[in-house]
Protein backbone atom coordinates (compact mmCIF):
# COMPACT_ATOMS: atom_id res chain seq x y z
CA MET A 1 -0.26 0.08 -0.29
CA PRO A 2 1.60 3.61 -0.67
CA TYR A 3 2.39 5.81 1.62
CA PHE A 4 0.34 8.24 1.58
CA ASP A 5 -2.76 6.32 1.34
CA ARG A 6 -2.94 3.98 4.62
CA PRO A 7 -5.45 4.71 7.36
CA LYS A 8 -4.87 7.22 9.92
CA GLN A 9 -3.99 6.24 12.83
CA PRO A 10 -6.73 8.37 15.94
CA ARG A 11 -4.48 10.60 17.65
CA ASP A 12 -4.08 9.23 20.84
CA TRP A 13 -1.19 9.78 23.05
CA ARG A 14 0.89 7.05 21.06
CA TRP A 15 1.02 9.63 18.08
CA VAL A 16 1.90 11.90 20.50
CA VAL A 17 4.68 10.21 21.27
CA GLY A 18 5.22 9.25 17.67
CA GLY A 19 5.80 12.88 16.50
CA ILE A 20 8.27 13.29 19.39
CA GLY A 21 10.46 10.14 18.61
CA LYS A 22 10.57 11.50 15.09
CA THR A 23 11.15 14.84 15.85
CA LEU A 24 14.33 13.93 18.51
CA ILE A 25 15.18 11.66 15.60
CA THR A 26 15.17 14.02 12.59
CA LEU A 27 17.21 16.90 15.30
CA GLY A 28 19.28 14.32 15.92
CA LEU A 29 20.08 13.58 11.77
CA LEU A 30 20.60 17.46 11.84
CA MET A 31 23.02 17.25 14.70
CA PHE A 32 25.24 14.36 13.57
CA ALA A 33 25.34 16.39 9.93
CA PHE A 34 26.50 19.59 11.71
CA VAL A 35 29.17 17.65 13.20
CA GLY A 36 29.84 16.62 9.75
CA TYR A 37 29.97 19.92 7.79
CA GLN A 38 32.26 21.55 10.45
CA LEU A 39 34.23 18.38 10.37
CA TRP A 40 34.47 18.23 6.36
CA GLY A 41 32.35 20.93 5.15
CA THR A 42 34.17 24.16 6.53
CA GLY A 43 36.83 22.57 4.38
CA ILE A 44 35.39 23.71 1.10
CA GLN A 45 35.54 26.72 1.63
CA THR A 46 39.48 26.62 2.41
CA ALA A 47 40.22 24.24 -0.14
CA ARG A 48 38.39 27.12 -2.54
CA ALA A 49 40.71 30.15 -1.03
CA GLN A 50 43.84 27.62 -1.29
CA ASN A 51 43.07 26.91 -4.68
CA SER A 52 42.84 30.87 -4.90
CA LEU A 53 45.78 32.12 -3.12
CA GLU A 54 48.30 29.39 -5.22
CA SER A 55 47.78 30.99 -7.99
CA GLN A 56 48.15 34.14 -6.13
CA PHE A 57 51.39 33.52 -4.51
CA ARG A 58 52.87 31.83 -8.07
CA GLU A 59 51.97 35.47 -9.94
CA LYS A 60 53.54 37.43 -6.58
CA MET A 61 56.37 35.02 -6.72
CA GLN A 62 56.84 35.87 -11.01
CA SER A 63 56.36 39.87 -10.32
CA THR A 64 58.28 40.58 -7.59
CA THR A 65 63.03 40.18 -6.59
CA THR A 66 64.21 40.50 -3.54
CA VAL A 67 65.93 44.44 -3.49
CA ALA A 68 68.22 44.85 -0.40
CA THR A 69 68.95 48.09 0.92
CA THR A 70 72.61 49.63 1.19
CA THR A 71 71.42 50.40 5.33
CA THR A 72 72.88 47.17 7.71
CA THR A 73 73.50 45.97 11.63
CA THR A 74 76.78 44.28 12.59
CA THR A 75 74.77 41.92 14.69
CA THR A 76 76.25 40.36 18.02
CA VAL A 77 74.36 36.96 18.51
CA ALA A 78 75.37 35.02 22.04
CA THR A 79 72.54 33.48 23.56
CA THR A 80 71.73 30.44 25.40
CA ASP A 81 68.01 30.36 25.70
CA SER A 82 66.69 27.15 25.62
CA THR A 83 63.08 27.77 24.52
CA LEU A 84 64.84 28.68 21.00
CA LEU A 85 68.15 27.35 20.38
CA PRO A 86 69.32 23.57 21.53
CA PRO A 87 72.03 23.52 23.54
CA GLU A 88 74.86 22.21 20.74
CA SER A 89 73.61 25.07 18.33
CA THR A 90 74.77 27.68 21.23
CA ILE A 91 77.04 30.39 19.18
CA ALA A 92 78.85 33.59 19.19
CA THR A 93 79.74 34.83 15.95
CA THR A 94 79.60 38.50 14.11
CA SER A 95 78.21 38.88 10.69
CA THR A 96 76.11 41.25 8.75
CA VAL A 97 72.64 41.20 7.96
CA PRO A 98 70.86 43.26 5.82
CA VAL A 99 67.63 44.99 6.48
CA ALA A 100 64.80 44.38 4.74
CA PRO A 101 63.52 47.04 2.31
CA ASP A 102 60.29 49.06 3.22
CA THR A 103 57.24 47.94 1.39
CA PRO A 104 53.69 48.36 0.58
CA MET A 105 51.31 46.74 3.77
CA ILE A 106 49.76 43.62 2.75
CA PRO A 107 46.42 42.98 2.97
CA ASP A 108 44.50 40.85 5.16
CA GLY A 109 43.42 37.70 3.55
CA ASP A 110 46.35 38.17 0.55
CA ALA A 111 49.29 35.07 0.70
CA VAL A 112 52.83 35.72 1.95
CA ALA A 113 54.17 32.63 2.60
CA ARG A 114 53.88 28.50 1.45
CA LEU A 115 54.62 26.25 4.72
CA ARG A 116 55.54 22.97 4.15
CA ILE A 117 56.77 20.07 6.88
CA PRO A 118 57.38 16.70 5.60
CA LYS A 119 56.88 14.87 8.59
CA ILE A 120 53.05 15.51 8.34
CA ASP A 121 52.62 16.28 4.98
CA LEU A 122 51.65 20.11 5.91
CA ASP A 123 51.92 22.20 2.65
CA TRP A 124 49.98 25.62 2.68
CA ILE A 125 49.73 28.78 2.01
CA VAL A 126 50.17 31.03 4.68
CA VAL A 127 48.05 34.42 4.56
CA GLU A 128 48.42 37.58 6.01
CA GLY A 129 45.94 37.91 8.84
CA VAL A 130 44.99 35.80 11.55
CA GLY A 131 41.30 36.92 11.89
CA ILE A 132 38.53 34.70 11.99
CA ASN A 133 38.10 35.74 7.83
CA ASP A 134 42.05 35.05 7.44
CA LEU A 135 42.05 31.15 8.81
CA LYS A 136 39.52 30.18 6.95
CA LYS A 137 41.46 30.81 4.44
CA GLY A 138 44.23 29.01 5.74
CA PRO A 139 47.10 29.71 8.50
CA GLY A 140 47.90 33.20 9.18
CA HIS A 141 50.69 35.68 10.15
CA PHE A 142 50.55 37.48 12.94
CA ARG A 143 50.84 40.93 11.25
CA GLU A 144 52.82 42.66 14.16
CA THR A 145 55.48 39.88 14.25
CA PRO A 146 58.34 39.93 11.53
CA MET A 147 58.31 37.63 8.68
CA PRO A 148 59.78 34.10 8.44
CA GLY A 149 63.03 35.30 7.35
CA GLN A 150 63.87 38.24 9.18
CA LEU A 151 65.50 38.50 12.72
CA GLY A 152 62.87 37.84 15.32
CA ASN A 153 60.22 35.82 16.13
CA ALA A 154 57.68 35.04 12.71
CA ALA A 155 54.17 33.49 14.53
CA ILE A 156 51.92 31.76 12.60
CA ALA A 157 48.29 30.35 13.63
CA GLY A 158 46.54 27.87 12.36
CA HIS A 159 43.52 25.97 12.86
CA ARG A 160 43.71 22.19 13.84
CA THR A 161 40.21 20.96 13.57
CA THR A 162 38.14 22.31 11.39
CA HIS A 163 38.91 24.14 8.02
CA GLY A 164 41.22 21.51 6.61
CA ALA A 165 42.59 21.22 10.19
CA PRO A 166 46.29 22.56 8.61
CA PHE A 167 47.38 22.87 11.64
CA GLY A 168 45.74 19.26 12.79
CA ASP A 169 48.83 17.11 13.03
CA LEU A 170 51.31 19.33 14.66
CA ASP A 171 51.30 17.18 17.89
CA GLN A 172 52.82 14.56 15.91
CA LEU A 173 56.25 16.93 15.34
CA GLN A 174 59.14 16.18 17.38
CA PRO A 175 62.53 18.46 18.04
CA GLY A 176 64.88 18.83 15.13
CA ASP A 177 61.82 17.91 12.31
CA LEU A 178 62.34 20.34 9.83
CA ILE A 179 60.12 23.11 8.51
CA THR A 180 60.27 25.00 5.67
CA VAL A 181 58.88 28.55 4.72
CA GLU A 182 58.85 29.91 0.65
CA MET A 183 58.08 33.61 0.54
CA ALA A 184 56.07 34.92 -2.08
CA ASN A 185 57.71 38.06 -1.87
CA GLY A 186 60.65 36.91 -3.49
CA ALA A 187 63.36 36.80 0.00
CA GLY A 188 63.74 32.82 -1.09
CA LEU A 189 63.63 29.24 1.11
CA PHE A 190 64.07 29.88 5.22
CA THR A 191 64.62 26.32 6.50
CA TYR A 192 63.64 26.42 11.14
CA SER A 193 64.25 23.26 12.62
CA LEU A 194 61.88 22.63 15.45
CA THR A 195 63.13 23.15 19.58
CA GLY A 196 60.23 22.61 21.62
CA THR A 197 56.47 22.25 22.24
CA ILE A 198 54.85 23.90 24.76
CA ILE A 199 51.33 24.72 26.34
CA VAL A 200 49.58 28.24 27.17
CA SER A 201 45.95 29.93 28.00
CA PRO A 202 45.35 31.97 24.76
CA SER A 203 46.00 34.66 27.56
CA GLU A 204 49.84 34.25 27.52
CA TYR A 205 50.13 34.93 24.23
CA ALA A 206 52.46 37.99 25.08
CA ALA A 207 55.28 35.52 26.26
CA VAL A 208 55.54 33.47 23.31
CA ILE A 209 54.82 35.29 20.53
CA PRO A 210 56.29 38.97 20.20
CA THR A 211 60.39 38.32 19.69
CA VAL A 212 62.10 37.54 23.00
CA ASP A 213 65.91 37.79 21.96
CA PRO A 214 66.28 39.83 18.07
CA THR A 215 69.46 38.50 17.11
CA VAL A 216 68.18 34.96 16.21
CA ALA A 217 65.77 34.26 13.73
CA THR A 218 63.02 31.84 14.88
CA LEU A 219 59.22 30.07 14.04
CA THR A 220 56.72 30.16 16.22
CA LEU A 221 53.33 28.02 15.13
CA ALA A 222 49.97 28.36 17.26
CA THR A 223 46.91 26.14 17.27
CA CYS A 224 44.11 25.33 19.41
CA HIS A 225 44.99 22.64 21.74
CA PRO A 226 43.20 19.96 22.73
CA LYS A 227 41.62 18.73 19.72
CA TYR A 228 37.75 20.19 19.28
CA THR A 229 38.53 22.79 21.53
CA SER A 230 40.55 26.39 21.78
CA GLU A 231 40.61 25.73 26.06
CA LYS A 232 44.44 25.93 25.26
CA ARG A 233 47.03 26.87 22.56
CA MET A 234 49.43 24.53 21.46
CA ILE A 235 52.75 26.52 20.68
CA VAL A 236 55.14 25.11 18.28
CA GLN A 237 58.93 26.84 18.41
CA ALA A 238 61.14 26.63 15.92
CA VAL A 239 65.25 28.30 14.95
CA LEU A 240 66.70 29.00 11.66
CA VAL A 241 68.73 26.48 10.36
CA PRO A 242 70.82 29.30 8.14
CA GLU A 243 73.35 26.97 5.65
CA GLN A 244 70.03 25.81 4.98
CA SER A 245 67.86 28.87 4.02
CA ALA A 246 68.52 32.14 1.94
CA GLN A 247 69.98 35.59 3.09
CA VAL A 248 68.52 36.26 6.50
CA PHE A 249 66.72 40.01 6.54
CA ALA A 250 66.75 42.55 9.85
CA PRO A 251 63.09 43.79 9.81
CA PRO A 252 62.24 46.86 7.91
CA LEU A 253 63.51 49.81 10.57
CA ASN A 254 59.83 51.26 10.99
CA THR A 255 58.38 48.35 11.66
CA VAL A 256 59.98 46.98 14.62
CA PRO A 257 57.72 47.25 17.34
CA SER A 258 57.75 48.66 21.19
CA VAL A 259 58.62 45.89 23.96
CA PRO A 260 57.64 46.78 27.15
CA ALA A 261 56.98 44.53 29.90
CA VAL A 262 54.12 42.46 30.42
CA THR A 263 53.18 40.61 34.11
CA LEU A 264 51.68 36.28 33.24
CA PRO A 265 49.42 35.25 35.61
CA ALA A 266 50.67 34.65 38.82
CA GLU A 267 50.84 30.33 38.27
CA THR A 268 53.14 30.98 35.03
CA PRO A 269 56.50 30.00 36.62
CA GLU A 270 59.33 31.91 37.44
CA THR A 271 61.51 32.38 33.49
CA THR A 272 64.61 33.19 32.85
CA VAL A 273 64.46 35.50 29.29
CA ALA A 274 66.78 37.90 27.37
CA ALA A 275 65.51 41.70 28.11
CA PRO A 276 66.41 43.73 24.98
CA ASP A 277 66.72 47.39 26.26
CA ASN A 278 64.47 49.16 23.50
CA THR A 279 61.74 50.91 25.32
CA ASP A 280 62.03 54.13 23.37
CA ASN A 281 61.10 52.48 20.54
CA THR A 282 64.04 53.52 18.16
CA ALA A 283 65.45 51.41 15.96
CA ASN A 284 69.68 50.67 16.66
CA THR A 285 71.32 51.34 12.80
CA SER A 286 74.87 51.81 14.59
CA SER A 287 77.62 49.86 13.97
CA THR A 288 77.35 47.03 16.61
CA VAL A 289 73.79 45.48 18.00
CA GLU A 290 74.77 44.27 21.53
CA THR A 291 73.19 41.36 23.05
CA ALA A 292 70.58 42.30 25.98
CA PRO A 293 71.35 41.38 29.59
CA THR A 294 69.98 38.18 30.56
CA THR A 295 67.76 39.09 33.42
CA THR A 296 65.51 37.16 36.15
CA VAL A 297 62.08 37.40 36.65
CA ALA A 298 59.02 36.19 38.73
CA ALA A 299 55.89 36.05 35.99
CA THR A 300 57.61 38.42 34.34
CA ILE A 301 58.02 38.57 30.45
CA VAL A 302 59.05 40.89 27.90
CA ALA A 303 56.82 41.26 25.07
CA ASP A 304 54.75 43.48 22.52
CA ASN A 305 51.14 44.33 24.38
CA THR A 306 49.56 45.07 21.36
CA ILE A 307 49.52 41.49 20.64
CA THR A 308 46.30 40.64 18.01
CA GLU A 309 43.77 37.84 19.28
CA ASP A 310 43.77 34.90 16.64
CA GLY A 311 40.86 34.13 14.68
CA LEU A 312 41.03 30.43 16.90
CA SER A 313 39.78 32.91 19.89
CA GLY A 314 35.99 34.15 20.34
CA GLY A 315 32.76 32.84 22.10
CA TRP A 316 29.14 32.30 21.20
CA PHE A 317 27.29 34.59 19.10
CA ASP A 318 30.28 37.59 18.70
CA ASP A 319 29.03 37.09 14.78
CA SER A 320 25.30 38.69 15.81
CA ALA A 321 25.20 39.29 11.71
CA ALA A 322 24.29 35.76 11.18
CA ILE A 323 21.54 35.60 12.98
CA PRO A 324 19.37 36.58 10.68
CA HIS A 325 20.86 34.48 7.58
CA ALA A 326 20.53 32.09 10.25
CA ILE A 327 17.04 32.86 10.85
CA LEU A 328 16.01 32.88 7.24
CA TRP A 329 18.34 29.74 5.68
CA GLY A 330 16.07 27.91 8.43
CA PHE A 331 13.27 29.27 7.41
CA LEU A 332 13.68 28.13 4.02
CA LEU A 333 14.93 24.87 4.88
CA LEU A 334 11.95 24.50 6.46
CA ALA A 335 9.93 25.33 3.44
CA VAL A 336 11.51 23.19 1.41
CA GLY A 337 10.97 20.27 3.31
CA ILE A 338 7.20 20.83 4.06
CA GLY A 339 7.09 21.92 -0.23
CA SER A 340 9.29 17.88 -0.63
CA TYR A 341 6.48 16.55 2.12
CA TYR A 342 3.00 17.96 -0.07
CA VAL A 343 5.09 17.24 -3.77
CA GLY A 344 4.87 13.26 -2.86
CA LYS A 345 1.53 13.48 -1.42
CA ALA A 346 -0.05 14.88 -4.31
CA SER A 347 1.74 11.96 -6.74
CA LYS A 348 1.11 9.54 -4.01
CA ARG A 349 4.49 8.78 -4.07
CA LEU A 350 6.77 9.04 -1.00
CA TYR A 351 10.27 8.61 -2.72
CA VAL A 352 8.83 11.28 -5.19
CA SER A 353 9.45 13.40 -2.38
CA PHE A 354 12.89 12.31 -2.09
CA VAL A 355 14.19 13.08 -5.84
CA VAL A 356 11.92 16.62 -5.84
CA GLY A 357 13.29 17.58 -2.58
CA PHE A 358 16.63 15.79 -2.06
CA ILE A 359 18.89 18.33 -3.55
CA PRO A 360 17.27 21.90 -2.96
CA PHE A 361 17.33 20.15 0.48
CA VAL A 362 21.20 19.68 0.58
CA VAL A 363 22.03 23.05 -0.37
CA VAL A 364 19.87 25.23 1.57
CA LEU A 365 21.28 22.80 4.15
CA TYR A 366 24.84 23.61 3.64
CA PHE A 367 24.40 27.73 3.82
CA PHE A 368 22.11 26.98 6.93
CA PHE A 369 24.97 25.30 7.86
CA GLU A 370 27.36 28.30 7.64
CA ASN A 371 25.24 30.76 9.35
CA VAL A 372 24.87 28.38 12.04
CA ASN A 373 28.33 27.97 12.39
CA ARG A 374 29.32 31.64 12.46
CA LEU A 375 27.22 31.45 15.75
CA LEU A 376 30.04 29.48 17.08
CA PRO A 377 32.99 29.82 19.20
CA PRO A 378 35.22 29.78 16.84
CA GLY A 379 37.54 26.86 17.60
CA LEU A 380 34.55 23.79 18.25
């Protein structure tokens, strides 16, 4: 007997219970579908963005050349900071480092580099900026940090679960693993060796993102920890391998940030750090840059107090502009479902409802999920 020709059952308590059961099953299926959207669906838009960024990266590589300025600084390197260099890498040499040329500000979301980590088969285009929309495209460079290939600490953030999960396997890395960064501005290819991984709270970016030793080129990768949450941050630290890298530059003089002291929460253990004296925010262009004195402080570290929060942070309903869109797509989704039901009822064949409504339902469901996802914490 066709589904729509079946006799109607009397509307007693069994009808009510059956209706509740069907509703709960439908909601459960939608929740499973939403989890699938977060884990894999968000990667669709990221993959499209990466394809576009790949073309942009190649165009930049073809059209830009590195132009070194004649201004140089002679840098004396002498550091034993174990968080930046392995013990066997302690050095005390003098070298001439050219200053990177001043360039126009790179717009947020534009390609700046290609990041590769052979150990975990990672190959992504890095964009400028770490806002929510930037990290939807791929890993993002903290604008307030030096570029990879420059002296100081270059920092990059990326998702670990959603939007293609570019940093999903960072926890598999071990000290000594190599990380390569190829710059879109033609500066060359730079290789970094991983020195360690630490876990911090999001509020402690000021302790791990800014440059501590301006005489050493380091790289920091930041992502959520543990997976599926944004409760903490996993920080992967690496140091440049000069013999496997192109010419290193000092950051442009007009982009060197100030480095005031920042106090961490009271539970932070006592830390010994190199504290560069640059409180007047004036760049040193003399022939020699003296190594900063080593200072022992309790829960205090030299850092830039203007560190941008990354797109992994945020709370519920932060993107309030998505609320009307989610409601609109929700009503449209309901309309597609009801319309498909009545089309099948008119034809007295249940399968007609699925044939007619499946594709429109999936398309509308995708956009509904996309707007609902904007209302959730980005790190979920």
